[in-house]
Every structure is written in structure tokens, then in C-alpha cells.
PDB file of all heavy atoms in Angstrom:
ATOM      1  N   THR A   1       4.891  16.544  -9.194  1.00  0.00           N
ATOM      2  CA  THR A   1       6.144  16.583  -8.443  1.00  0.00           C
ATOM      3  C   THR A   1       5.879  16.729  -6.951  1.00  0.00           C
ATOM      4  O   THR A   1       6.503  16.060  -6.125  1.00  0.00           O
ATOM      5  CB  THR A   1       7.026  17.757  -8.927  1.00  0.00           C
ATOM      6  OG1 THR A   1       7.312  17.593 -10.318  1.00  0.00           O
ATOM      7  CG2 THR A   1       8.329  17.814  -8.150  1.00  0.00           C
ATOM      8  N   GLU A   2       4.940  17.605  -6.607  1.00  0.00           N
ATOM      9  CA  GLU A   2       4.575  17.804  -5.202  1.00  0.00           C
ATOM     10  C   GLU A   2       3.992  16.528  -4.603  1.00  0.00           C
ATOM     11  O   GLU A   2       4.290  16.164  -3.463  1.00  0.00           O
ATOM     12  CB  GLU A   2       3.560  18.947  -5.095  1.00  0.00           C
ATOM     13  CG  GLU A   2       3.085  19.245  -3.682  1.00  0.00           C
ATOM     14  CD  GLU A   2       4.155  19.881  -2.817  1.00  0.00           C
ATOM     15  OE1 GLU A   2       5.163  20.345  -3.373  1.00  0.00           O
ATOM     16  OE2 GLU A   2       3.962  19.930  -1.591  1.00  0.00           O
ATOM     17  N   ASN A   3       3.175  15.854  -5.379  1.00  0.00           N
ATOM     18  CA  ASN A   3       2.557  14.619  -4.899  1.00  0.00           C
ATOM     19  C   ASN A   3       3.612  13.536  -4.647  1.00  0.00           C
ATOM     20  O   ASN A   3       3.584  12.846  -3.622  1.00  0.00           O
ATOM     21  CB  ASN A   3       1.545  14.117  -5.930  1.00  0.00           C
ATOM     22  CG  ASN A   3       0.777  12.907  -5.445  1.00  0.00           C
ATOM     23  OD1 ASN A   3       0.016  12.970  -4.494  1.00  0.00           O
ATOM     24  ND2 ASN A   3       0.988  11.772  -6.097  1.00  0.00           N
ATOM     25  N   SER A   4       4.550  13.397  -5.566  1.00  0.00           N
ATOM     26  CA  SER A   4       5.619  12.407  -5.403  1.00  0.00           C
ATOM     27  C   SER A   4       6.460  12.715  -4.173  1.00  0.00           C
ATOM     28  O   SER A   4       6.813  11.820  -3.399  1.00  0.00           O
ATOM     29  CB  SER A   4       6.509  12.368  -6.645  1.00  0.00           C
ATOM     30  OG  SER A   4       5.791  11.936  -7.777  1.00  0.00           O
ATOM     31  N   ALA A   5       6.777  13.997  -3.983  1.00  0.00           N
ATOM     32  CA  ALA A   5       7.579  14.400  -2.832  1.00  0.00           C
ATOM     33  C   ALA A   5       6.848  14.091  -1.523  1.00  0.00           C
ATOM     34  O   ALA A   5       7.460  13.645  -0.546  1.00  0.00           O
ATOM     35  CB  ALA A   5       7.912  15.889  -2.918  1.00  0.00           C
ATOM     36  N   PHE A   6       5.533  14.316  -1.519  1.00  0.00           N
ATOM     37  CA  PHE A   6       4.747  14.060  -0.303  1.00  0.00           C
ATOM     38  C   PHE A   6       4.804  12.587   0.092  1.00  0.00           C
ATOM     39  O   PHE A   6       5.100  12.248   1.240  1.00  0.00           O
ATOM     40  CB  PHE A   6       3.292  14.490  -0.522  1.00  0.00           C
ATOM     41  CG  PHE A   6       2.383  14.122   0.619  1.00  0.00           C
ATOM     42  CD1 PHE A   6       2.323  14.917   1.752  1.00  0.00           C
ATOM     43  CD2 PHE A   6       1.593  12.964   0.572  1.00  0.00           C
ATOM     44  CE1 PHE A   6       1.492  14.570   2.811  1.00  0.00           C
ATOM     45  CE2 PHE A   6       0.771  12.616   1.621  1.00  0.00           C
ATOM     46  CZ  PHE A   6       0.716  13.421   2.748  1.00  0.00           C
ATOM     47  N   TRP A   7       4.521  11.711  -0.867  1.00  0.00           N
ATOM     48  CA  TRP A   7       4.477  10.291  -0.533  1.00  0.00           C
ATOM     49  C   TRP A   7       5.865   9.725  -0.285  1.00  0.00           C
ATOM     50  O   TRP A   7       6.028   8.802   0.527  1.00  0.00           O
ATOM     51  CB  TRP A   7       3.759   9.508  -1.639  1.00  0.00           C
ATOM     52  CG  TRP A   7       2.304   9.842  -1.723  1.00  0.00           C
ATOM     53  CD1 TRP A   7       1.669  10.515  -2.726  1.00  0.00           C
ATOM     54  CD2 TRP A   7       1.285   9.567  -0.745  1.00  0.00           C
ATOM     55  NE1 TRP A   7       0.343  10.668  -2.440  1.00  0.00           N
ATOM     56  CE2 TRP A   7       0.070  10.102  -1.242  1.00  0.00           C
ATOM     57  CE3 TRP A   7       1.301   8.929   0.492  1.00  0.00           C
ATOM     58  CZ2 TRP A   7      -1.124   9.999  -0.536  1.00  0.00           C
ATOM     59  CZ3 TRP A   7       0.100   8.836   1.209  1.00  0.00           C
ATOM     60  CH2 TRP A   7      -1.087   9.360   0.697  1.00  0.00           C
ATOM     61  N   ASN A   8       6.884  10.278  -0.940  1.00  0.00           N
ATOM     62  CA  ASN A   8       8.249   9.807  -0.709  1.00  0.00           C
ATOM     63  C   ASN A   8       8.696  10.056   0.726  1.00  0.00           C
ATOM     64  O   ASN A   8       9.456   9.267   1.290  1.00  0.00           O
ATOM     65  CB  ASN A   8       9.231  10.484  -1.675  1.00  0.00           C
ATOM     66  CG  ASN A   8       9.105   9.957  -3.092  1.00  0.00           C
ATOM     67  OD1 ASN A   8       8.595   8.865  -3.320  1.00  0.00           O
ATOM     68  ND2 ASN A   8       9.566  10.742  -4.062  1.00  0.00           N
ATOM     69  N   THR A   9       8.227  11.155   1.306  1.00  0.00           N
ATOM     70  CA  THR A   9       8.618  11.474   2.681  1.00  0.00           C
ATOM     71  C   THR A   9       7.942  10.561   3.699  1.00  0.00           C
ATOM     72  O   THR A   9       8.338  10.539   4.867  1.00  0.00           O
ATOM     73  CB  THR A   9       8.262  12.931   3.034  1.00  0.00           C
ATOM     74  OG1 THR A   9       6.845  13.125   2.898  1.00  0.00           O
ATOM     75  CG2 THR A   9       9.000  13.897   2.128  1.00  0.00           C
ATOM     76  N   HIS A  10       6.924   9.811   3.252  1.00  0.00           N
ATOM     77  CA  HIS A  10       6.200   8.938   4.176  1.00  0.00           C
ATOM     78  C   HIS A  10       6.443   7.449   3.908  1.00  0.00           C
ATOM     79  O   HIS A  10       5.797   6.591   4.503  1.00  0.00           O
ATOM     80  CB  HIS A  10       4.701   9.232   4.108  1.00  0.00           C
ATOM     81  CG  HIS A  10       4.331  10.596   4.623  1.00  0.00           C
ATOM     82  ND1 HIS A  10       4.246  11.701   3.795  1.00  0.00           N
ATOM     83  CD2 HIS A  10       4.048  11.038   5.866  1.00  0.00           C
ATOM     84  CE1 HIS A  10       3.909  12.763   4.507  1.00  0.00           C
ATOM     85  NE2 HIS A  10       3.784  12.386   5.760  1.00  0.00           N
ATOM     86  N   GLU A  11       7.354   7.177   2.987  1.00  0.00           N
ATOM     87  CA  GLU A  11       7.653   5.779   2.706  1.00  0.00           C
ATOM     88  C   GLU A  11       8.439   5.152   3.851  1.00  0.00           C
ATOM     89  O   GLU A  11       9.232   5.819   4.506  1.00  0.00           O
ATOM     90  CB  GLU A  11       8.467   5.658   1.408  1.00  0.00           C
ATOM     91  CG  GLU A  11       7.646   5.810   0.151  1.00  0.00           C
ATOM     92  CD  GLU A  11       8.469   5.551  -1.103  1.00  0.00           C
ATOM     93  OE1 GLU A  11       9.700   5.398  -0.974  1.00  0.00           O
ATOM     94  OE2 GLU A  11       7.885   5.511  -2.193  1.00  0.00           O
ATOM     95  N   GLY A  12       8.205   3.864   4.076  1.00  0.00           N
ATOM     96  CA  GLY A  12       8.915   3.166   5.142  1.00  0.00           C
ATOM     97  C   GLY A  12       8.301   1.810   5.412  1.00  0.00           C
ATOM     98  O   GLY A  12       7.510   1.298   4.609  1.00  0.00           O
ATOM     99  N   VAL A  13       8.643   1.257   6.537  1.00  0.00           N
ATOM    100  CA  VAL A  13       8.160  -0.076   6.905  1.00  0.00           C
ATOM    101  C   VAL A  13       6.644  -0.096   7.025  1.00  0.00           C
ATOM    102  O   VAL A  13       5.978  -1.020   6.564  1.00  0.00           O
ATOM    103  CB  VAL A  13       8.799  -0.538   8.235  1.00  0.00           C
ATOM    104  CG1 VAL A  13       8.201  -1.875   8.673  1.00  0.00           C
ATOM    105  CG2 VAL A  13      10.306  -0.668   8.077  1.00  0.00           C
ATOM    106  N   LEU A  14       6.074   0.965   7.622  1.00  0.00           N
ATOM    107  CA  LEU A  14       4.623   0.997   7.820  1.00  0.00           C
ATOM    108  C   LEU A  14       3.882   0.980   6.488  1.00  0.00           C
ATOM    109  O   LEU A  14       2.863   0.289   6.342  1.00  0.00           O
ATOM    110  CB  LEU A  14       4.222   2.235   8.620  1.00  0.00           C
ATOM    111  CG  LEU A  14       4.508   2.198  10.128  1.00  0.00           C
ATOM    112  CD1 LEU A  14       4.107   3.514  10.767  1.00  0.00           C
ATOM    113  CD2 LEU A  14       3.769   1.044  10.793  1.00  0.00           C
ATOM    114  N   SER A  15       4.368   1.742   5.519  1.00  0.00           N
ATOM    115  CA  SER A  15       3.691   1.779   4.218  1.00  0.00           C
ATOM    116  C   SER A  15       3.799   0.430   3.517  1.00  0.00           C
ATOM    117  O   SER A  15       2.849  -0.005   2.847  1.00  0.00           O
ATOM    118  CB  SER A  15       4.294   2.879   3.336  1.00  0.00           C
ATOM    119  OG  SER A  15       5.666   2.642   3.079  1.00  0.00           O
ATOM    120  N   GLU A  16       4.929  -0.246   3.668  1.00  0.00           N
ATOM    121  CA  GLU A  16       5.096  -1.562   3.060  1.00  0.00           C
ATOM    122  C   GLU A  16       4.172  -2.590   3.709  1.00  0.00           C
ATOM    123  O   GLU A  16       3.544  -3.394   3.020  1.00  0.00           O
ATOM    124  CB  GLU A  16       6.554  -2.014   3.190  1.00  0.00           C
ATOM    125  CG  GLU A  16       7.524  -1.176   2.368  1.00  0.00           C
ATOM    126  CD  GLU A  16       8.970  -1.585   2.588  1.00  0.00           C
ATOM    127  OE1 GLU A  16       9.192  -2.584   3.316  1.00  0.00           O
ATOM    128  OE2 GLU A  16       9.879  -0.925   2.041  1.00  0.00           O
ATOM    129  N   VAL A  17       4.092  -2.554   5.028  1.00  0.00           N
ATOM    130  CA  VAL A  17       3.200  -3.479   5.745  1.00  0.00           C
ATOM    131  C   VAL A  17       1.754  -3.189   5.377  1.00  0.00           C
ATOM    132  O   VAL A  17       0.958  -4.107   5.142  1.00  0.00           O
ATOM    133  CB  VAL A  17       3.399  -3.347   7.275  1.00  0.00           C
ATOM    134  CG1 VAL A  17       2.334  -4.132   8.023  1.00  0.00           C
ATOM    135  CG2 VAL A  17       4.791  -3.829   7.666  1.00  0.00           C
ATOM    136  N   SER A  18       1.391  -1.903   5.320  1.00  0.00           N
ATOM    137  CA  SER A  18       0.031  -1.519   4.961  1.00  0.00           C
ATOM    138  C   SER A  18      -0.341  -2.032   3.582  1.00  0.00           C
ATOM    139  O   SER A  18      -1.451  -2.544   3.370  1.00  0.00           O
ATOM    140  CB  SER A  18      -0.112  -0.001   5.007  1.00  0.00           C
ATOM    141  OG  SER A  18      -1.364   0.421   4.510  1.00  0.00           O
ATOM    142  N   ASP A  19       0.582  -1.909   2.642  1.00  0.00           N
ATOM    143  CA  ASP A  19       0.341  -2.363   1.275  1.00  0.00           C
ATOM    144  C   ASP A  19       0.115  -3.873   1.243  1.00  0.00           C
ATOM    145  O   ASP A  19      -0.786  -4.358   0.554  1.00  0.00           O
ATOM    146  CB  ASP A  19       1.520  -1.989   0.386  1.00  0.00           C
ATOM    147  CG  ASP A  19       1.243  -2.246  -1.090  1.00  0.00           C
ATOM    148  OD1 ASP A  19       0.364  -1.584  -1.645  1.00  0.00           O
ATOM    149  OD2 ASP A  19       1.904  -3.120  -1.665  1.00  0.00           O
ATOM    150  N   GLN A  20       0.904  -4.614   2.020  1.00  0.00           N
ATOM    151  CA  GLN A  20       0.769  -6.062   2.049  1.00  0.00           C
ATOM    152  C   GLN A  20      -0.534  -6.490   2.718  1.00  0.00           C
ATOM    153  O   GLN A  20      -1.214  -7.408   2.253  1.00  0.00           O
ATOM    154  CB  GLN A  20       1.958  -6.686   2.794  1.00  0.00           C
ATOM    155  CG  GLN A  20       1.986  -8.202   2.758  1.00  0.00           C
ATOM    156  CD  GLN A  20       2.026  -8.749   1.346  1.00  0.00           C
ATOM    157  OE1 GLN A  20       2.879  -8.366   0.545  1.00  0.00           O
ATOM    158  NE2 GLN A  20       1.102  -9.631   1.008  1.00  0.00           N
ATOM    159  N   VAL A  21      -0.896  -5.794   3.789  1.00  0.00           N
ATOM    160  CA  VAL A  21      -2.149  -6.103   4.483  1.00  0.00           C
ATOM    161  C   VAL A  21      -3.339  -5.830   3.572  1.00  0.00           C
ATOM    162  O   VAL A  21      -4.278  -6.638   3.486  1.00  0.00           O
ATOM    163  CB  VAL A  21      -2.271  -5.276   5.783  1.00  0.00           C
ATOM    164  CG1 VAL A  21      -3.677  -5.390   6.364  1.00  0.00           C
ATOM    165  CG2 VAL A  21      -1.245  -5.752   6.811  1.00  0.00           C
ATOM    166  N   ASN A  22      -3.311  -4.688   2.872  1.00  0.00           N
ATOM    167  CA  ASN A  22      -4.393  -4.343   1.960  1.00  0.00           C
ATOM    168  C   ASN A  22      -4.493  -5.352   0.827  1.00  0.00           C
ATOM    169  O   ASN A  22      -5.595  -5.741   0.406  1.00  0.00           O
ATOM    170  CB  ASN A  22      -4.167  -2.942   1.401  1.00  0.00           C
ATOM    171  CG  ASN A  22      -5.380  -2.378   0.693  1.00  0.00           C
ATOM    172  OD1 ASN A  22      -6.519  -2.751   0.983  1.00  0.00           O
ATOM    173  ND2 ASN A  22      -5.152  -1.494  -0.255  1.00  0.00           N
ATOM    174  N   ASP A  23      -3.338  -5.783   0.323  1.00  0.00           N
ATOM    175  CA  ASP A  23      -3.308  -6.778  -0.742  1.00  0.00           C
ATOM    176  C   ASP A  23      -3.953  -8.075  -0.284  1.00  0.00           C
ATOM    177  O   ASP A  23      -4.784  -8.668  -0.993  1.00  0.00           O
ATOM    178  CB  ASP A  23      -1.864  -7.020  -1.173  1.00  0.00           C
ATOM    179  CG  ASP A  23      -1.755  -7.961  -2.360  1.00  0.00           C
ATOM    180  OD1 ASP A  23      -2.145  -7.554  -3.468  1.00  0.00           O
ATOM    181  OD2 ASP A  23      -1.298  -9.104  -2.183  1.00  0.00           O
ATOM    182  N   THR A  24      -3.592  -8.514   0.921  1.00  0.00           N
ATOM    183  CA  THR A  24      -4.156  -9.745   1.476  1.00  0.00           C
ATOM    184  C   THR A  24      -5.649  -9.607   1.723  1.00  0.00           C
ATOM    185  O   THR A  24      -6.437 -10.522   1.430  1.00  0.00           O
ATOM    186  CB  THR A  24      -3.447 -10.100   2.794  1.00  0.00           C
ATOM    187  OG1 THR A  24      -2.042 -10.239   2.550  1.00  0.00           O
ATOM    188  CG2 THR A  24      -3.989 -11.405   3.374  1.00  0.00           C
ATOM    189  N   TYR A  25      -6.056  -8.461   2.245  1.00  0.00           N
ATOM    190  CA  TYR A  25      -7.474  -8.195   2.527  1.00  0.00           C
ATOM    191  C   TYR A  25      -8.306  -8.264   1.256  1.00  0.00           C
ATOM    192  O   TYR A  25      -9.372  -8.904   1.221  1.00  0.00           O
ATOM    193  CB  TYR A  25      -7.609  -6.827   3.182  1.00  0.00           C
ATOM    194  CG  TYR A  25      -9.017  -6.295   3.229  1.00  0.00           C
ATOM    195  CD1 TYR A  25      -9.918  -6.757   4.185  1.00  0.00           C
ATOM    196  CD2 TYR A  25      -9.451  -5.332   2.318  1.00  0.00           C
ATOM    197  CE1 TYR A  25     -11.221  -6.267   4.229  1.00  0.00           C
ATOM    198  CE2 TYR A  25     -10.744  -4.845   2.358  1.00  0.00           C
ATOM    199  CZ  TYR A  25     -11.620  -5.308   3.309  1.00  0.00           C
ATOM    200  OH  TYR A  25     -12.913  -4.832   3.341  1.00  0.00           O
ATOM    201  N   LEU A  26      -7.837  -7.613   0.194  1.00  0.00           N
ATOM    202  CA  LEU A  26      -8.590  -7.597  -1.062  1.00  0.00           C
ATOM    203  C   LEU A  26      -8.693  -8.997  -1.662  1.00  0.00           C
ATOM    204  O   LEU A  26      -9.753  -9.397  -2.152  1.00  0.00           O
ATOM    205  CB  LEU A  26      -7.945  -6.637  -2.056  1.00  0.00           C
ATOM    206  CG  LEU A  26      -8.008  -5.150  -1.683  1.00  0.00           C
ATOM    207  CD1 LEU A  26      -7.187  -4.314  -2.655  1.00  0.00           C
ATOM    208  CD2 LEU A  26      -9.454  -4.660  -1.652  1.00  0.00           C
ATOM    209  N   LYS A  27      -7.606  -9.743  -1.618  1.00  0.00           N
ATOM    210  CA  LYS A  27      -7.622 -11.101  -2.161  1.00  0.00           C
ATOM    211  C   LYS A  27      -8.555 -11.996  -1.351  1.00  0.00           C
ATOM    212  O   LYS A  27      -9.256 -12.847  -1.912  1.00  0.00           O
ATOM    213  CB  LYS A  27      -6.205 -11.672  -2.185  1.00  0.00           C
ATOM    214  CG  LYS A  27      -5.319 -11.030  -3.242  1.00  0.00           C
ATOM    215  CD  LYS A  27      -3.900 -11.577  -3.205  1.00  0.00           C
ATOM    216  CE  LYS A  27      -3.038 -10.941  -4.286  1.00  0.00           C
ATOM    217  NZ  LYS A  27      -1.630 -11.409  -4.223  1.00  0.00           N
ATOM    218  N   ALA A  28      -8.580 -11.815  -0.039  1.00  0.00           N
ATOM    219  CA  ALA A  28      -9.452 -12.617   0.814  1.00  0.00           C
ATOM    220  C   ALA A  28     -10.924 -12.335   0.542  1.00  0.00           C
ATOM    221  O   ALA A  28     -11.790 -13.175   0.805  1.00  0.00           O
ATOM    222  CB  ALA A  28      -9.133 -12.345   2.285  1.00  0.00           C
ATOM    223  N   ASN A  29     -11.209 -11.151  -0.004  1.00  0.00           N
ATOM    224  CA  ASN A  29     -12.594 -10.776  -0.301  1.00  0.00           C
ATOM    225  C   ASN A  29     -12.935 -10.893  -1.778  1.00  0.00           C
ATOM    226  O   ASN A  29     -13.855 -10.237  -2.277  1.00  0.00           O
ATOM    227  CB  ASN A  29     -12.863  -9.350   0.193  1.00  0.00           C
ATOM    228  CG  ASN A  29     -13.051  -9.294   1.691  1.00  0.00           C
ATOM    229  OD1 ASN A  29     -14.103  -9.651   2.214  1.00  0.00           O
ATOM    230  ND2 ASN A  29     -12.015  -8.864   2.396  1.00  0.00           N
ATOM    231  N   GLY A  30     -12.181 -11.737  -2.480  1.00  0.00           N
ATOM    232  CA  GLY A  30     -12.560 -12.076  -3.845  1.00  0.00           C
ATOM    233  C   GLY A  30     -11.941 -11.241  -4.933  1.00  0.00           C
ATOM    234  O   GLY A  30     -12.235 -11.456  -6.121  1.00  0.00           O
ATOM    235  N   GLN A  31     -11.095 -10.247  -4.604  1.00  0.00           N
ATOM    236  CA  GLN A  31     -10.421  -9.451  -5.624  1.00  0.00           C
ATOM    237  C   GLN A  31      -9.038 -10.061  -5.844  1.00  0.00           C
ATOM    238  O   GLN A  31      -8.069  -9.705  -5.164  1.00  0.00           O
ATOM    239  CB  GLN A  31     -10.318  -7.987  -5.195  1.00  0.00           C
ATOM    240  CG  GLN A  31     -11.698  -7.337  -5.043  1.00  0.00           C
ATOM    241  CD  GLN A  31     -11.610  -5.839  -4.856  1.00  0.00           C
ATOM    242  OE1 GLN A  31     -11.115  -5.116  -5.707  1.00  0.00           O
ATOM    243  NE2 GLN A  31     -12.103  -5.365  -3.737  1.00  0.00           N
ATOM    244  N   SER A  32      -8.971 -10.979  -6.785  1.00  0.00           N
ATOM    245  CA  SER A  32      -7.774 -11.795  -6.978  1.00  0.00           C
ATOM    246  C   SER A  32      -6.536 -10.972  -7.326  1.00  0.00           C
ATOM    247  O   SER A  32      -5.409 -11.419  -7.089  1.00  0.00           O
ATOM    248  CB  SER A  32      -8.020 -12.836  -8.070  1.00  0.00           C
ATOM    249  OG  SER A  32      -8.373 -12.208  -9.295  1.00  0.00           O
ATOM    250  N   ASP A  33      -6.718  -9.772  -7.872  1.00  0.00           N
ATOM    251  CA  ASP A  33      -5.576  -8.934  -8.232  1.00  0.00           C
ATOM    252  C   ASP A  33      -5.005  -8.168  -7.049  1.00  0.00           C
ATOM    253  O   ASP A  33      -3.975  -7.501  -7.181  1.00  0.00           O
ATOM    254  CB  ASP A  33      -5.961  -7.943  -9.334  1.00  0.00           C
ATOM    255  CG  ASP A  33      -6.251  -8.639 -10.650  1.00  0.00           C
ATOM    256  OD1 ASP A  33      -5.462  -9.518 -11.029  1.00  0.00           O
ATOM    257  OD2 ASP A  33      -7.268  -8.318 -11.275  1.00  0.00           O
ATOM    258  N   GLY A  34      -5.673  -8.240  -5.896  1.00  0.00           N
ATOM    259  CA  GLY A  34      -5.174  -7.531  -4.729  1.00  0.00           C
ATOM    260  C   GLY A  34      -5.083  -6.043  -4.973  1.00  0.00           C
ATOM    261  O   GLY A  34      -5.971  -5.429  -5.563  1.00  0.00           O
TER     262      GLY A  34
END
């Protein structure tokens, strides 16, 4: 519960962009599942 509350307070545009960038980075380096 504490962990969920922590990450929920930091959700936003930056976290979404970060997730997309990381996904693209992993796929570009051969990890097809991102």
C-alpha cells in the first residue's frame, strides 16, 4: 500500500514520457518486448 501511494504521487506527464522513452530504447537495443 505504501509503495502504491508513493508512485501514485509521482505519476504524470514525465513518468509517461519516461516509460515511452525507455520502451523505445529497449526495443532499439534488441529487446523486442520493450
